[in-house]
Amino acid sequence: VVVGSPSALAETAGPFLLGVASGDPLPDGVVLWTRLVREAP
């Protein structure tokens, strides 16, 4: 796919076009992240 274009982002379904991520792990926890994005606002 062409990264950064609508066709590239459409490879990830629905509003989760930017994927998912986790970070800042602790012994008992972690931060989960996503951002909702659609081609329509």
Full PDB file with SEQRES, HELIX, SHEET, SSBOND, CRYST1, ORIGX, SCALE, CONECT and MASTER records, all heavy atoms in Angstrom:
SEQRES   1 A   41  VAL VAL VAL GLY SER PRO SER ALA LEU ALA GLU THR ALA          
SEQRES   2 A   41  GLY PRO PHE LEU LEU GLY VAL ALA SER GLY ASP PRO LEU          
SEQRES   3 A   41  PRO ASP GLY VAL VAL LEU TRP THR ARG LEU VAL ARG GLU          
SEQRES   4 A   41  ALA PRO                                                      
HELIX    1 AA1 PRO A    6  LEU A    9  1                                   4    
SHEET    1 AA1 2 VAL A  20  GLY A  23  0                                        
SHEET    2 AA1 2 VAL A  31  THR A  34 -1                                        
CRYST1    1.000    1.000    1.000  90.00  90.00  90.00 P 1           1          
ORIGX1      1.000000  0.000000  0.000000        0.00000                         
ORIGX2      0.000000  1.000000  0.000000        0.00000                         
ORIGX3      0.000000  0.000000  1.000000        0.00000                         
SCALE1      1.000000  0.000000  0.000000        0.00000                         
SCALE2      0.000000  1.000000  0.000000        0.00000                         
SCALE3      0.000000  0.000000  1.000000        0.00000                         
ATOM      1  N   VAL A   1       0.830  -1.201   0.000  1.00  0.00           N  
ATOM      2  CA  VAL A   1       0.000   0.000   0.000  1.00  0.00           C  
ATOM      3  C   VAL A   1       0.860   1.244   0.000  1.00  0.00           C  
ATOM      4  O   VAL A   1       2.050   1.210   0.268  1.00  0.00           O  
ATOM      5  CB  VAL A   1      -0.925   0.022   1.245  1.00  0.00           C  
ATOM      6  CG1 VAL A   1      -1.842  -1.172   1.240  1.00  0.00           C  
ATOM      7  CG2 VAL A   1      -0.124   0.073   2.515  1.00  0.00           C  
ATOM      8  N   VAL A   2       0.221   2.360  -0.300  1.00  0.00           N  
ATOM      9  CA  VAL A   2       0.873   3.656  -0.263  1.00  0.00           C  
ATOM     10  C   VAL A   2       0.631   4.253   1.107  1.00  0.00           C  
ATOM     11  O   VAL A   2      -0.502   4.588   1.455  1.00  0.00           O  
ATOM     12  CB  VAL A   2       0.316   4.587  -1.363  1.00  0.00           C  
ATOM     13  CG1 VAL A   2       0.956   5.948  -1.271  1.00  0.00           C  
ATOM     14  CG2 VAL A   2       0.562   3.968  -2.730  1.00  0.00           C  
ATOM     15  N   VAL A   3       1.675   4.352   1.914  1.00  0.00           N  
ATOM     16  CA  VAL A   3       1.526   4.787   3.283  1.00  0.00           C  
ATOM     17  C   VAL A   3       1.148   6.256   3.331  1.00  0.00           C  
ATOM     18  O   VAL A   3       1.713   7.084   2.625  1.00  0.00           O  
ATOM     19  CB  VAL A   3       2.846   4.547   4.053  1.00  0.00           C  
ATOM     20  CG1 VAL A   3       2.737   5.061   5.457  1.00  0.00           C  
ATOM     21  CG2 VAL A   3       3.173   3.066   4.036  1.00  0.00           C  
ATOM     22  N   GLY A   4       0.194   6.565   4.214  1.00  0.00           N  
ATOM     23  CA  GLY A   4      -0.230   7.947   4.388  1.00  0.00           C  
ATOM     24  C   GLY A   4      -1.390   8.321   3.511  1.00  0.00           C  
ATOM     25  O   GLY A   4      -1.992   9.376   3.690  1.00  0.00           O  
ATOM     26  N   SER A   5      -1.738   7.497   2.547  1.00  0.00           N  
ATOM     27  CA  SER A   5      -2.886   7.768   1.693  1.00  0.00           C  
ATOM     28  C   SER A   5      -4.114   7.094   2.270  1.00  0.00           C  
ATOM     29  O   SER A   5      -4.015   6.187   3.089  1.00  0.00           O  
ATOM     30  CB  SER A   5      -2.631   7.210   0.289  1.00  0.00           C  
ATOM     31  OG  SER A   5      -2.634   5.797   0.329  1.00  0.00           O  
ATOM     32  N   PRO A   6      -5.339   7.509   1.863  1.00  0.00           N  
ATOM     33  CA  PRO A   6      -6.534   6.837   2.355  1.00  0.00           C  
ATOM     34  C   PRO A   6      -6.535   5.345   2.085  1.00  0.00           C  
ATOM     35  O   PRO A   6      -6.979   4.555   2.919  1.00  0.00           O  
ATOM     36  CB  PRO A   6      -7.662   7.552   1.597  1.00  0.00           C  
ATOM     37  CG  PRO A   6      -7.119   8.910   1.313  1.00  0.00           C  
ATOM     38  CD  PRO A   6      -5.648   8.687   1.048  1.00  0.00           C  
ATOM     39  N   SER A   7      -5.988   4.907   0.938  1.00  0.00           N  
ATOM     40  CA  SER A   7      -5.963   3.480   0.659  1.00  0.00           C  
ATOM     41  C   SER A   7      -5.067   2.736   1.624  1.00  0.00           C  
ATOM     42  O   SER A   7      -5.339   1.596   1.995  1.00  0.00           O  
ATOM     43  CB  SER A   7      -5.499   3.228  -0.781  1.00  0.00           C  
ATOM     44  OG  SER A   7      -4.181   3.708  -0.971  1.00  0.00           O  
ATOM     45  N   ALA A   8      -3.980   3.385   2.065  1.00  0.00           N  
ATOM     46  CA  ALA A   8      -3.102   2.739   3.038  1.00  0.00           C  
ATOM     47  C   ALA A   8      -3.813   2.598   4.375  1.00  0.00           C  
ATOM     48  O   ALA A   8      -3.780   1.546   5.009  1.00  0.00           O  
ATOM     49  CB  ALA A   8      -1.824   3.556   3.208  1.00  0.00           C  
ATOM     50  N   LEU A   9      -4.442   3.685   4.830  1.00  0.00           N  
ATOM     51  CA  LEU A   9      -5.095   3.643   6.119  1.00  0.00           C  
ATOM     52  C   LEU A   9      -6.257   2.666   6.122  1.00  0.00           C  
ATOM     53  O   LEU A   9      -6.591   2.083   7.154  1.00  0.00           O  
ATOM     54  CB  LEU A   9      -5.584   5.044   6.501  1.00  0.00           C  
ATOM     55  CG  LEU A   9      -4.491   6.109   6.627  1.00  0.00           C  
ATOM     56  CD1 LEU A   9      -5.096   7.427   7.056  1.00  0.00           C  
ATOM     57  CD2 LEU A   9      -3.433   5.681   7.611  1.00  0.00           C  
ATOM     58  N   ALA A  10      -6.888   2.461   4.978  1.00  0.00           N  
ATOM     59  CA  ALA A  10      -8.015   1.546   4.898  1.00  0.00           C  
ATOM     60  C   ALA A  10      -7.604   0.102   5.125  1.00  0.00           C  
ATOM     61  O   ALA A  10      -8.465  -0.753   5.361  1.00  0.00           O  
ATOM     62  CB  ALA A  10      -8.711   1.679   3.548  1.00  0.00           C  
ATOM     63  N   GLU A  11      -6.291  -0.209   5.093  1.00  0.00           N  
ATOM     64  CA  GLU A  11      -5.847  -1.564   5.374  1.00  0.00           C  
ATOM     65  C   GLU A  11      -6.166  -1.953   6.821  1.00  0.00           C  
ATOM     66  O   GLU A  11      -6.202  -3.121   7.161  1.00  0.00           O  
ATOM     67  CB  GLU A  11      -4.347  -1.700   5.119  1.00  0.00           C  
ATOM     68  CG  GLU A  11      -3.956  -1.607   3.661  1.00  0.00           C  
ATOM     69  CD  GLU A  11      -4.442  -2.797   2.859  1.00  0.00           C  
ATOM     70  OE1 GLU A  11      -4.399  -3.925   3.361  1.00  0.00           O  
ATOM     71  OE2 GLU A  11      -4.874  -2.564   1.715  1.00  0.00           O  
ATOM     72  N   THR A  12      -6.357  -0.964   7.708  1.00  0.00           N  
ATOM     73  CA  THR A  12      -6.772  -1.216   9.070  1.00  0.00           C  
ATOM     74  C   THR A  12      -8.242  -0.846   9.171  1.00  0.00           C  
ATOM     75  O   THR A  12      -8.629   0.263   8.833  1.00  0.00           O  
ATOM     76  CB  THR A  12      -5.933  -0.384  10.063  1.00  0.00           C  
ATOM     77  OG1 THR A  12      -4.560  -0.702   9.872  1.00  0.00           O  
ATOM     78  CG2 THR A  12      -6.323  -0.677  11.481  1.00  0.00           C  
ATOM     79  N   ALA A  13      -9.056  -1.763   9.672  1.00  0.00           N  
ATOM     80  CA  ALA A  13     -10.502  -1.618   9.548  1.00  0.00           C  
ATOM     81  C   ALA A  13     -11.059  -0.522  10.436  1.00  0.00           C  
ATOM     82  O   ALA A  13     -10.506  -0.191  11.482  1.00  0.00           O  
ATOM     83  CB  ALA A  13     -11.167  -2.953   9.894  1.00  0.00           C  
ATOM     84  N   GLY A  14     -12.223   0.025   9.988  1.00  0.00           N  
ATOM     85  CA  GLY A  14     -13.035   0.915  10.799  1.00  0.00           C  
ATOM     86  C   GLY A  14     -12.301   2.158  11.241  1.00  0.00           C  
ATOM     87  O   GLY A  14     -11.494   2.713  10.495  1.00  0.00           O  
ATOM     88  N   PRO A  15     -12.570   2.597  12.481  1.00  0.00           N  
ATOM     89  CA  PRO A  15     -11.954   3.844  12.953  1.00  0.00           C  
ATOM     90  C   PRO A  15     -10.562   3.651  13.545  1.00  0.00           C  
ATOM     91  O   PRO A  15      -9.975   4.620  14.014  1.00  0.00           O  
ATOM     92  CB  PRO A  15     -12.936   4.297  14.037  1.00  0.00           C  
ATOM     93  CG  PRO A  15     -13.439   3.022  14.616  1.00  0.00           C  
ATOM     94  CD  PRO A  15     -13.515   2.051  13.456  1.00  0.00           C  
ATOM     95  N   PHE A  16     -10.041   2.436  13.523  1.00  0.00           N  
ATOM     96  CA  PHE A  16      -8.734   2.162  14.118  1.00  0.00           C  
ATOM     97  C   PHE A  16      -7.643   2.220  13.051  1.00  0.00           C  
ATOM     98  O   PHE A  16      -6.767   1.345  12.965  1.00  0.00           O  
ATOM     99  CB  PHE A  16      -8.760   0.809  14.827  1.00  0.00           C  
ATOM    100  CG  PHE A  16      -9.783   0.737  15.927  1.00  0.00           C  
ATOM    101  CD1 PHE A  16     -10.976   0.059  15.739  1.00  0.00           C  
ATOM    102  CD2 PHE A  16      -9.563   1.380  17.132  1.00  0.00           C  
ATOM    103  CE1 PHE A  16     -11.931   0.000  16.746  1.00  0.00           C  
ATOM    104  CE2 PHE A  16     -10.511   1.334  18.147  1.00  0.00           C  
ATOM    105  CZ  PHE A  16     -11.694   0.648  17.958  1.00  0.00           C  
ATOM    106  N   LEU A  17      -7.696   3.277  12.253  1.00  0.00           N  
ATOM    107  CA  LEU A  17      -6.795   3.395  11.113  1.00  0.00           C  
ATOM    108  C   LEU A  17      -5.341   3.602  11.529  1.00  0.00           C  
ATOM    109  O   LEU A  17      -4.435   3.339  10.741  1.00  0.00           O  
ATOM    110  CB  LEU A  17      -7.233   4.555  10.221  1.00  0.00           C  
ATOM    111  CG  LEU A  17      -8.669   4.493   9.684  1.00  0.00           C  
ATOM    112  CD1 LEU A  17      -8.968   5.721   8.843  1.00  0.00           C  
ATOM    113  CD2 LEU A  17      -8.878   3.225   8.874  1.00  0.00           C  
ATOM    114  N   LEU A  18      -5.127   4.095  12.734  1.00  0.00           N  
ATOM    115  CA  LEU A  18      -3.764   4.346  13.199  1.00  0.00           C  
ATOM    116  C   LEU A  18      -3.236   3.220  14.068  1.00  0.00           C  
ATOM    117  O   LEU A  18      -2.144   3.317  14.630  1.00  0.00           O  
ATOM    118  CB  LEU A  18      -3.708   5.675  13.963  1.00  0.00           C  
ATOM    119  CG  LEU A  18      -4.260   6.889  13.207  1.00  0.00           C  
ATOM    120  CD1 LEU A  18      -4.017   8.165  14.005  1.00  0.00           C  
ATOM    121  CD2 LEU A  18      -3.675   7.003  11.815  1.00  0.00           C  
ATOM    122  N   GLY A  19      -3.994   2.144  14.167  1.00  0.00           N  
ATOM    123  CA  GLY A  19      -3.537   0.981  14.900  1.00  0.00           C  
ATOM    124  C   GLY A  19      -3.710   1.117  16.399  1.00  0.00           C  
ATOM    125  O   GLY A  19      -4.491   1.937  16.906  1.00  0.00           O  
ATOM    126  N   VAL A  20      -2.962   0.289  17.131  1.00  0.00           N  
ATOM    127  CA  VAL A  20      -2.997   0.271  18.593  1.00  0.00           C  
ATOM    128  C   VAL A  20      -1.563   0.273  19.101  1.00  0.00           C  
ATOM    129  O   VAL A  20      -0.628  -0.038  18.370  1.00  0.00           O  
ATOM    130  CB  VAL A  20      -3.744  -0.974  19.118  1.00  0.00           C  
ATOM    131  CG1 VAL A  20      -5.190  -0.978  18.640  1.00  0.00           C  
ATOM    132  CG2 VAL A  20      -3.032  -2.267  18.697  1.00  0.00           C  
ATOM    133  N   ALA A  21      -1.411   0.632  20.363  1.00  0.00           N  
ATOM    134  CA  ALA A  21      -0.073   0.671  20.954  1.00  0.00           C  
ATOM    135  C   ALA A  21      -0.191   0.513  22.460  1.00  0.00           C  
ATOM    136  O   ALA A  21      -1.246   0.777  23.056  1.00  0.00           O  
ATOM    137  CB  ALA A  21       0.641   1.973  20.612  1.00  0.00           C  
ATOM    138  N   SER A  22       0.903   0.101  23.066  1.00  0.00           N  
ATOM    139  CA  SER A  22       0.989   0.063  24.529  1.00  0.00           C  
ATOM    140  C   SER A  22       2.324   0.653  24.946  1.00  0.00           C  
ATOM    141  O   SER A  22       3.261   0.733  24.146  1.00  0.00           O  
ATOM    142  CB  SER A  22       0.845  -1.366  25.056  1.00  0.00           C  
ATOM    143  OG  SER A  22       1.973  -2.149  24.714  1.00  0.00           O  
ATOM    144  N   GLY A  23       2.405   1.064  26.207  1.00  0.00           N  
ATOM    145  CA  GLY A  23       3.651   1.676  26.645  1.00  0.00           C  
ATOM    146  C   GLY A  23       3.728   1.870  28.139  1.00  0.00           C  
ATOM    147  O   GLY A  23       2.794   1.590  28.891  1.00  0.00           O  
ATOM    148  N   ASP A  24       4.881   2.372  28.577  1.00  0.00           N  
ATOM    149  CA  ASP A  24       5.168   2.678  29.976  1.00  0.00           C  
ATOM    150  C   ASP A  24       4.791   1.523  30.908  1.00  0.00           C  
ATOM    151  O   ASP A  24       4.004   1.683  31.850  1.00  0.00           O  
ATOM    152  CB  ASP A  24       4.450   3.970  30.385  1.00  0.00           C  
ATOM    153  CG  ASP A  24       5.133   5.210  29.839  1.00  0.00           C  
ATOM    154  OD1 ASP A  24       6.032   5.063  28.984  1.00  0.00           O  
ATOM    155  OD2 ASP A  24       4.779   6.330  30.244  1.00  0.00           O  
ATOM    156  N   PRO A  25       5.349   0.326  30.660  1.00  0.00           N  
ATOM    157  CA  PRO A  25       4.974  -0.831  31.469  1.00  0.00           C  
ATOM    158  C   PRO A  25       5.452  -0.714  32.911  1.00  0.00           C  
ATOM    159  O   PRO A  25       6.509  -0.145  33.199  1.00  0.00           O  
ATOM    160  CB  PRO A  25       5.662  -1.994  30.748  1.00  0.00           C  
ATOM    161  CG  PRO A  25       6.843  -1.360  30.065  1.00  0.00           C  
ATOM    162  CD  PRO A  25       6.365  -0.009  29.647  1.00  0.00           C  
ATOM    163  N   LEU A  26       4.658  -1.271  33.813  1.00  0.00           N  
ATOM    164  CA  LEU A  26       4.959  -1.367  35.233  1.00  0.00           C  
ATOM    165  C   LEU A  26       4.841  -2.834  35.648  1.00  0.00           C  
ATOM    166  O   LEU A  26       4.368  -3.663  34.866  1.00  0.00           O  
ATOM    167  CB  LEU A  26       3.979  -0.514  36.046  1.00  0.00           C  
ATOM    168  CG  LEU A  26       3.949   0.987  35.756  1.00  0.00           C  
ATOM    169  CD1 LEU A  26       2.802   1.647  36.521  1.00  0.00           C  
ATOM    170  CD2 LEU A  26       5.272   1.642  36.099  1.00  0.00           C  
ATOM    171  N   PRO A  27       5.220  -3.179  36.873  1.00  0.00           N  
ATOM    172  CA  PRO A  27       5.036  -4.564  37.301  1.00  0.00           C  
ATOM    173  C   PRO A  27       3.574  -5.006  37.279  1.00  0.00           C  
ATOM    174  O   PRO A  27       3.287  -6.185  37.055  1.00  0.00           O  
ATOM    175  CB  PRO A  27       5.603  -4.574  38.727  1.00  0.00           C  
ATOM    176  CG  PRO A  27       6.557  -3.432  38.773  1.00  0.00           C  
ATOM    177  CD  PRO A  27       5.969  -2.388  37.875  1.00  0.00           C  
ATOM    178  N   ASP A  28       2.649  -4.061  37.507  1.00  0.00           N  
ATOM    179  CA  ASP A  28       1.237  -4.427  37.579  1.00  0.00           C  
ATOM    180  C   ASP A  28       0.376  -3.712  36.548  1.00  0.00           C  
ATOM    181  O   ASP A  28      -0.855  -3.752  36.636  1.00  0.00           O  
ATOM    182  CB  ASP A  28       0.686  -4.121  38.974  1.00  0.00           C  
ATOM    183  CG  ASP A  28       0.627  -2.626  39.268  1.00  0.00           C  
ATOM    184  OD1 ASP A  28       1.355  -1.849  38.594  1.00  0.00           O  
ATOM    185  OD2 ASP A  28      -0.144  -2.226  40.159  1.00  0.00           O  
ATOM    186  N   GLY A  29       1.001  -3.041  35.568  1.00  0.00           N  
ATOM    187  CA  GLY A  29       0.175  -2.269  34.653  1.00  0.00           C  
ATOM    188  C   GLY A  29       0.881  -1.846  33.393  1.00  0.00           C  
ATOM    189  O   GLY A  29       2.087  -2.045  33.218  1.00  0.00           O  
ATOM    190  N   VAL A  30       0.091  -1.234  32.498  1.00  0.00           N  
ATOM    191  CA  VAL A  30       0.596  -0.737  31.225  1.00  0.00           C  
ATOM    192  C   VAL A  30      -0.427   0.238  30.663  1.00  0.00           C  
ATOM    193  O   VAL A  30      -1.624   0.170  30.997  1.00  0.00           O  
ATOM    194  CB  VAL A  30       0.844  -1.908  30.241  1.00  0.00           C  
ATOM    195  CG1 VAL A  30      -0.478  -2.530  29.782  1.00  0.00           C  
ATOM    196  CG2 VAL A  30       1.692  -1.481  29.061  1.00  0.00           C  
ATOM    197  N   VAL A  31       0.038   1.173  29.846  1.00  0.00           N  
ATOM    198  CA  VAL A  31      -0.856   2.118  29.172  1.00  0.00           C  
ATOM    199  C   VAL A  31      -1.227   1.557  27.803  1.00  0.00           C  
ATOM    200  O   VAL A  31      -0.340   1.199  27.015  1.00  0.00           O  
ATOM    201  CB  VAL A  31      -0.186   3.501  29.023  1.00  0.00           C  
ATOM    202  CG1 VAL A  31      -1.063   4.436  28.177  1.00  0.00           C  
ATOM    203  CG2 VAL A  31       0.074   4.116  30.394  1.00  0.00           C  
ATOM    204  N   LEU A  32      -2.519   1.481  27.525  1.00  0.00           N  
ATOM    205  CA  LEU A  32      -3.017   1.088  26.207  1.00  0.00           C  
ATOM    206  C   LEU A  32      -3.459   2.338  25.460  1.00  0.00           C  
ATOM    207  O   LEU A  32      -4.055   3.244  26.044  1.00  0.00           O  
ATOM    208  CB  LEU A  32      -4.197   0.118  26.333  1.00  0.00           C  
ATOM    209  CG  LEU A  32      -3.988  -1.122  27.202  1.00  0.00           C  
ATOM    210  CD1 LEU A  32      -5.238  -1.980  27.188  1.00  0.00           C  
ATOM    211  CD2 LEU A  32      -2.768  -1.910  26.742  1.00  0.00           C  
ATOM    212  N   TRP A  33      -3.185   2.358  24.149  1.00  0.00           N  
ATOM    213  CA  TRP A  33      -3.467   3.557  23.346  1.00  0.00           C  
ATOM    214  C   TRP A  33      -4.136   3.186  22.031  1.00  0.00           C  
ATOM    215  O   TRP A  33      -3.822   2.155  21.415  1.00  0.00           O  
ATOM    216  CB  TRP A  33      -2.170   4.308  23.019  1.00  0.00           C  
ATOM    217  CG  TRP A  33      -2.361   5.437  22.047  1.00  0.00           C  
ATOM    218  CD1 TRP A  33      -2.607   6.756  22.344  1.00  0.00           C  
ATOM    219  CD2 TRP A  33      -2.357   5.360  20.615  1.00  0.00           C  
ATOM    220  NE1 TRP A  33      -2.750   7.491  21.179  1.00  0.00           N  
ATOM    221  CE2 TRP A  33      -2.607   6.661  20.103  1.00  0.00           C  
ATOM    222  CE3 TRP A  33      -2.163   4.310  19.710  1.00  0.00           C  
ATOM    223  CZ2 TRP A  33      -2.661   6.939  18.738  1.00  0.00           C  
ATOM    224  CZ3 TRP A  33      -2.232   4.582  18.346  1.00  0.00           C  
ATOM    225  CH2 TRP A  33      -2.473   5.883  17.869  1.00  0.00           C  
ATOM    226  N   THR A  34      -5.032   4.051  21.604  1.00  0.00           N  
ATOM    227  CA  THR A  34      -5.477   4.097  20.219  1.00  0.00           C  
ATOM    228  C   THR A  34      -6.020   5.502  19.964  1.00  0.00           C  
ATOM    229  O   THR A  34      -6.209   6.291  20.891  1.00  0.00           O  
ATOM    230  CB  THR A  34      -6.534   3.018  19.891  1.00  0.00           C  
ATOM    231  OG1 THR A  34      -6.705   2.936  18.468  1.00  0.00           O  
ATOM    232  CG2 THR A  34      -7.878   3.340  20.548  1.00  0.00           C  
ATOM    233  N   ARG A  35      -6.265   5.801  18.712  1.00  0.00           N  
ATOM    234  CA  ARG A  35      -6.922   7.051  18.353  1.00  0.00           C  
ATOM    235  C   ARG A  35      -7.918   6.740  17.248  1.00  0.00           C  
ATOM    236  O   ARG A  35      -7.569   6.086  16.256  1.00  0.00           O  
ATOM    237  CB  ARG A  35      -5.918   8.106  17.864  1.00  0.00           C  
ATOM    238  CG  ARG A  35      -6.605   9.413  17.465  1.00  0.00           C  
ATOM    239  CD  ARG A  35      -5.676  10.390  16.753  1.00  0.00           C  
ATOM    240  NE  ARG A  35      -6.474  11.438  16.116  1.00  0.00           N  
ATOM    241  CZ  ARG A  35      -6.040  12.257  15.170  1.00  0.00           C  
ATOM    242  NH1 ARG A  35      -4.795  12.163  14.739  1.00  0.00           N  
ATOM    243  NH2 ARG A  35      -6.839  13.164  14.633  1.00  0.00           N  
ATOM    244  N   LEU A  36      -9.143   7.201  17.425  1.00  0.00           N  
ATOM    245  CA  LEU A  36     -10.177   6.962  16.434  1.00  0.00           C  
ATOM    246  C   LEU A  36     -10.023   7.941  15.272  1.00  0.00           C  
ATOM    247  O   LEU A  36      -9.950   9.159  15.476  1.00  0.00           O  
ATOM    248  CB  LEU A  36     -11.568   7.129  17.059  1.00  0.00           C  
ATOM    249  CG  LEU A  36     -11.868   6.286  18.299  1.00  0.00           C  
ATOM    250  CD1 LEU A  36     -13.313   6.520  18.749  1.00  0.00           C  
ATOM    251  CD2 LEU A  36     -11.600   4.817  18.047  1.00  0.00           C  
ATOM    252  N   VAL A  37      -9.940   7.404  14.073  1.00  0.00           N  
ATOM    253  CA  VAL A  37      -9.817   8.223  12.864  1.00  0.00           C  
ATOM    254  C   VAL A  37     -10.632   7.564  11.762  1.00  0.00           C  
ATOM    255  O   VAL A  37     -10.547   6.339  11.568  1.00  0.00           O  
ATOM    256  CB  VAL A  37      -8.342   8.339  12.405  1.00  0.00           C  
ATOM    257  CG1 VAL A  37      -8.253   9.079  11.066  1.00  0.00           C  
ATOM    258  CG2 VAL A  37      -7.507   9.058  13.445  1.00  0.00           C  
ATOM    259  N   ARG A  38     -11.414   8.344  11.070  1.00  0.00           N  
ATOM    260  CA  ARG A  38     -12.130   7.855   9.888  1.00  0.00           C  
ATOM    261  C   ARG A  38     -11.846   8.788   8.724  1.00  0.00           C  
ATOM    262  O   ARG A  38     -11.427   9.940   8.904  1.00  0.00           O  
ATOM    263  CB  ARG A  38     -13.638   7.810  10.133  1.00  0.00           C  
ATOM    264  CG  ARG A  38     -14.106   6.765  11.137  1.00  0.00           C  
ATOM    265  CD  ARG A  38     -15.636   6.693  11.136  1.00  0.00           C  
ATOM    266  NE  ARG A  38     -16.148   5.782  12.157  1.00  0.00           N  
ATOM    267  CZ  ARG A  38     -16.321   4.479  11.976  1.00  0.00           C  
ATOM    268  NH1 ARG A  38     -16.001   3.932  10.808  1.00  0.00           N  
ATOM    269  NH2 ARG A  38     -16.801   3.723  12.946  1.00  0.00           N  
ATOM    270  N   GLU A  39     -12.075   8.287   7.507  1.00  0.00           N  
ATOM    271  CA  GLU A  39     -11.926   9.168   6.346  1.00  0.00           C  
ATOM    272  C   GLU A  39     -12.956  10.287   6.395  1.00  0.00           C  
ATOM    273  O   GLU A  39     -12.682  11.413   5.984  1.00  0.00           O  
ATOM    274  CB  GLU A  39     -12.044   8.352   5.059  1.00  0.00           C  
ATOM    275  CG  GLU A  39     -10.886   7.377   4.877  1.00  0.00           C  
ATOM    276  CD  GLU A  39     -10.965   6.624   3.562  1.00  0.00           C  
ATOM    277  OE1 GLU A  39     -11.549   7.162   2.604  1.00  0.00           O  
ATOM    278  OE2 GLU A  39     -10.446   5.498   3.482  1.00  0.00           O  
ATOM    279  N   ALA A  40     -14.160   9.994   6.899  1.00  0.00           N  
ATOM    280  CA  ALA A  40     -15.147  11.040   7.165  1.00  0.00           C  
ATOM    281  C   ALA A  40     -14.923  11.552   8.586  1.00  0.00           C  
ATOM    282  O   ALA A  40     -14.548  10.779   9.480  1.00  0.00           O  
ATOM    283  CB  ALA A  40     -16.556  10.479   7.016  1.00  0.00           C  
ATOM    284  N   PRO A  41     -15.112  12.840   8.849  1.00  0.00           N  
ATOM    285  CA  PRO A  41     -14.840  13.381  10.188  1.00  0.00           C  
ATOM    286  C   PRO A  41     -15.668  12.685  11.265  1.00  0.00           C  
ATOM    287  O   PRO A  41     -16.829  12.333  11.061  1.00  0.00           O  
ATOM    288  CB  PRO A  41     -15.228  14.854  10.051  1.00  0.00           C  
ATOM    289  CG  PRO A  41     -15.151  15.147   8.586  1.00  0.00           C  
ATOM    290  CD  PRO A  41     -15.544  13.882   7.895  1.00  0.00           C  
TER     291      PRO A  41                                                      
MASTER        0    0    0    1    2    0    0    6  290    1    0    4          
END                                                                             
